[in-house]
Amino acid sequence: MRTNRPCRYFTNPVPATSKSYLWLYRTGKEGPSIILYDYQETRSGKNAEKFLSGFKGYLQVDGYAGYHKVPNVKLVGCMAHARRKFDEALKVLPSSKRLTSGVA
């Protein structure tokens, strides 16, 4: 699973008003669970490409296009992101068209 979040980095030489990112990397189910935070000044897909160089397998990510820079991986989506799209679609339906049961 892979994600990134904006963060402040207090010893960063760039102004406090700039954005920087923590890229989160987590191992899968095999072996001990490892979670690693990687500080980067940009959200460029080159960060993931560099960090994951040599990795082959499945990479669970959100829909950010930067992940397409990582070679030899199969991108798999996040179900929370997929569910959100269904939830957004239900909110724009007229109330007469919505089901009253079975909606998560």
C-alpha atoms as a PDB file:
ATOM      1  CA  MET A   1       0.000   0.000   0.000  1.00  0.00           C
ATOM      2  CA  ARG A   2       1.359   3.420  -0.865  1.00  0.00           C
ATOM      3  CA  THR A   3       0.187   6.961  -0.205  1.00  0.00           C
ATOM      4  CA  ASN A   4       1.557  10.411   0.383  1.00  0.00           C
ATOM      5  CA  ARG A   5       0.505  13.263   2.609  1.00  0.00           C
ATOM      6  CA  PRO A   6       1.605  16.930   2.737  1.00  0.00           C
ATOM      7  CA  CYS A   7       3.688  17.694   5.827  1.00  0.00           C
ATOM      8  CA  ARG A   8       5.878  20.332   7.451  1.00  0.00           C
ATOM      9  CA  TYR A   9       9.551  19.606   7.826  1.00  0.00           C
ATOM     10  CA  PHE A  10      11.039  21.980  10.369  1.00  0.00           C
ATOM     11  CA  THR A  11      14.695  21.749   9.317  1.00  0.00           C
ATOM     12  CA  ASN A  12      13.760  22.124   5.664  1.00  0.00           C
ATOM     13  CA  PRO A  13      15.597  25.017   3.973  1.00  0.00           C
ATOM     14  CA  VAL A  14      12.485  25.962   1.977  1.00  0.00           C
ATOM     15  CA  PRO A  15       9.997  28.468   3.444  1.00  0.00           C
ATOM     16  CA  ALA A  16       7.343  27.196   5.875  1.00  0.00           C
ATOM     17  CA  THR A  17       4.692  28.236   3.368  1.00  0.00           C
ATOM     18  CA  SER A  18       5.870  25.621   0.853  1.00  0.00           C
ATOM     19  CA  LYS A  19       4.484  22.095   0.644  1.00  0.00           C
ATOM     20  CA  SER A  20       6.498  18.971   1.174  1.00  0.00           C
ATOM     21  CA  TYR A  21       5.385  15.352   1.315  1.00  0.00           C
ATOM     22  CA  LEU A  22       5.759  12.181   3.322  1.00  0.00           C
ATOM     23  CA  TRP A  23       5.497   9.176   1.082  1.00  0.00           C
ATOM     24  CA  LEU A  24       4.279   6.137   3.011  1.00  0.00           C
ATOM     25  CA  TYR A  25       5.423   2.666   2.024  1.00  0.00           C
ATOM     26  CA  ARG A  26       4.101  -0.466   3.720  1.00  0.00           C
ATOM     27  CA  THR A  27       4.881  -4.114   3.188  1.00  0.00           C
ATOM     28  CA  GLY A  28       2.237  -6.667   2.306  1.00  0.00           C
ATOM     29  CA  LYS A  29       0.997  -9.624   4.350  1.00  0.00           C
ATOM     30  CA  GLU A  30       4.133 -11.759   4.084  1.00  0.00           C
ATOM     31  CA  GLY A  31       6.774 -11.377   6.788  1.00  0.00           C
ATOM     32  CA  PRO A  32       6.850  -8.737   9.494  1.00  0.00           C
ATOM     33  CA  SER A  33       4.907  -5.550   8.810  1.00  0.00           C
ATOM     34  CA  ILE A  34       7.180  -2.649   7.876  1.00  0.00           C
ATOM     35  CA  ILE A  35       5.972   0.949   7.533  1.00  0.00           C
ATOM     36  CA  LEU A  36       8.399   3.514   6.146  1.00  0.00           C
ATOM     37  CA  TYR A  37       7.957   7.270   5.752  1.00  0.00           C
ATOM     38  CA  ASP A  38      10.029   8.935   3.031  1.00  0.00           C
ATOM     39  CA  TYR A  39      10.284  12.751   3.088  1.00  0.00           C
ATOM     40  CA  GLN A  40      10.301  14.427  -0.334  1.00  0.00           C
ATOM     41  CA  GLU A  41       9.926  18.047  -1.397  1.00  0.00           C
ATOM     42  CA  THR A  42       7.651  17.160  -4.333  1.00  0.00           C
ATOM     43  CA  ARG A  43       4.845  14.771  -5.227  1.00  0.00           C
ATOM     44  CA  SER A  44       6.589  13.785  -8.448  1.00  0.00           C
ATOM     45  CA  GLY A  45       6.135  10.184  -9.552  1.00  0.00           C
ATOM     46  CA  LYS A  46       9.926  10.066  -9.904  1.00  0.00           C
ATOM     47  CA  ASN A  47      10.108   9.780  -6.095  1.00  0.00           C
ATOM     48  CA  ALA A  48       8.170   6.502  -6.133  1.00  0.00           C
ATOM     49  CA  GLU A  49      10.059   5.330  -9.217  1.00  0.00           C
ATOM     50  CA  LYS A  50      13.405   5.883  -7.471  1.00  0.00           C
ATOM     51  CA  PHE A  51      12.375   4.401  -4.113  1.00  0.00           C
ATOM     52  CA  LEU A  52      10.758   1.329  -5.658  1.00  0.00           C
ATOM     53  CA  SER A  53      13.514   0.673  -8.176  1.00  0.00           C
ATOM     54  CA  GLY A  54      13.952  -3.090  -8.435  1.00  0.00           C
ATOM     55  CA  PHE A  55      10.545  -3.850  -6.890  1.00  0.00           C
ATOM     56  CA  LYS A  56       8.275  -6.192  -8.845  1.00  0.00           C
ATOM     57  CA  GLY A  57       4.743  -7.050  -7.847  1.00  0.00           C
ATOM     58  CA  TYR A  58       1.471  -5.408  -6.893  1.00  0.00           C
ATOM     59  CA  LEU A  59       1.380  -1.779  -5.791  1.00  0.00           C
ATOM     60  CA  GLN A  60      -1.819  -0.650  -4.052  1.00  0.00           C
ATOM     61  CA  VAL A  61      -2.273   3.070  -4.632  1.00  0.00           C
ATOM     62  CA  ASP A  62      -4.826   5.819  -5.055  1.00  0.00           C
ATOM     63  CA  GLY A  63      -5.481   7.121  -8.568  1.00  0.00           C
ATOM     64  CA  TYR A  64      -2.477   9.473  -8.753  1.00  0.00           C
ATOM     65  CA  ALA A  65      -0.956   9.255 -12.252  1.00  0.00           C
ATOM     66  CA  GLY A  66       2.610   9.536 -10.923  1.00  0.00           C
ATOM     67  CA  TYR A  67       2.566   5.854  -9.989  1.00  0.00           C
ATOM     68  CA  HIS A  68       2.560   4.968 -13.684  1.00  0.00           C
ATOM     69  CA  LYS A  69       6.267   5.867 -13.724  1.00  0.00           C
ATOM     70  CA  VAL A  70       7.094   2.784 -11.608  1.00  0.00           C
ATOM     71  CA  PRO A  71       8.107  -0.055 -13.962  1.00  0.00           C
ATOM     72  CA  ASN A  72       7.400  -3.779 -13.451  1.00  0.00           C
ATOM     73  CA  VAL A  73       4.445  -3.298 -11.108  1.00  0.00           C
ATOM     74  CA  LYS A  74       0.744  -4.019 -11.364  1.00  0.00           C
ATOM     75  CA  LEU A  75      -1.206  -1.076  -9.965  1.00  0.00           C
ATOM     76  CA  VAL A  76      -4.221  -2.060  -7.885  1.00  0.00           C
ATOM     77  CA  GLY A  77      -6.767   0.393  -6.573  1.00  0.00           C
ATOM     78  CA  CYS A  78      -7.905   1.267  -3.117  1.00  0.00           C
ATOM     79  CA  MET A  79     -11.459   0.172  -2.266  1.00  0.00           C
ATOM     80  CA  ALA A  80     -11.998   3.239  -0.054  1.00  0.00           C
ATOM     81  CA  HIS A  81     -11.425   5.446  -3.090  1.00  0.00           C
ATOM     82  CA  ALA A  82     -13.758   3.327  -5.241  1.00  0.00           C
ATOM     83  CA  ARG A  83     -16.477   3.404  -2.583  1.00  0.00           C
ATOM     84  CA  ARG A  84     -16.250   7.192  -2.343  1.00  0.00           C
ATOM     85  CA  LYS A  85     -17.181   7.510  -6.032  1.00  0.00           C
ATOM     86  CA  PHE A  86     -20.330   5.412  -5.496  1.00  0.00           C
ATOM     87  CA  ASP A  87     -21.193   7.515  -2.443  1.00  0.00           C
ATOM     88  CA  GLU A  88     -20.763  10.722  -4.463  1.00  0.00           C
ATOM     89  CA  ALA A  89     -23.013   9.321  -7.225  1.00  0.00           C
ATOM     90  CA  LEU A  90     -25.745   8.470  -4.708  1.00  0.00           C
ATOM     91  CA  LYS A  91     -25.691  12.011  -3.313  1.00  0.00           C
ATOM     92  CA  VAL A  92     -26.568  13.530  -6.688  1.00  0.00           C
ATOM     93  CA  LEU A  93     -29.466  11.133  -7.345  1.00  0.00           C
ATOM     94  CA  PRO A  94     -32.935  12.531  -6.692  1.00  0.00           C
ATOM     95  CA  SER A  95     -34.245  11.132  -3.402  1.00  0.00           C
ATOM     96  CA  SER A  96     -37.057   9.345  -5.268  1.00  0.00           C
ATOM     97  CA  LYS A  97     -34.451   7.275  -7.140  1.00  0.00           C
ATOM     98  CA  ARG A  98     -32.420   6.229  -4.090  1.00  0.00           C
ATOM     99  CA  LEU A  99     -32.834   2.853  -2.430  1.00  0.00           C
ATOM    100  CA  THR A 100     -33.853   3.011   1.208  1.00  0.00           C
ATOM    101  CA  SER A 101     -31.995  -0.168   2.105  1.00  0.00           C
ATOM    102  CA  GLY A 102     -28.770  -1.804   1.019  1.00  0.00           C
ATOM    103  CA  VAL A 103     -26.844   1.441   0.719  1.00  0.00           C
ATOM    104  CA  ALA A 104     -23.523   1.453   2.572  1.00  0.00           C
END
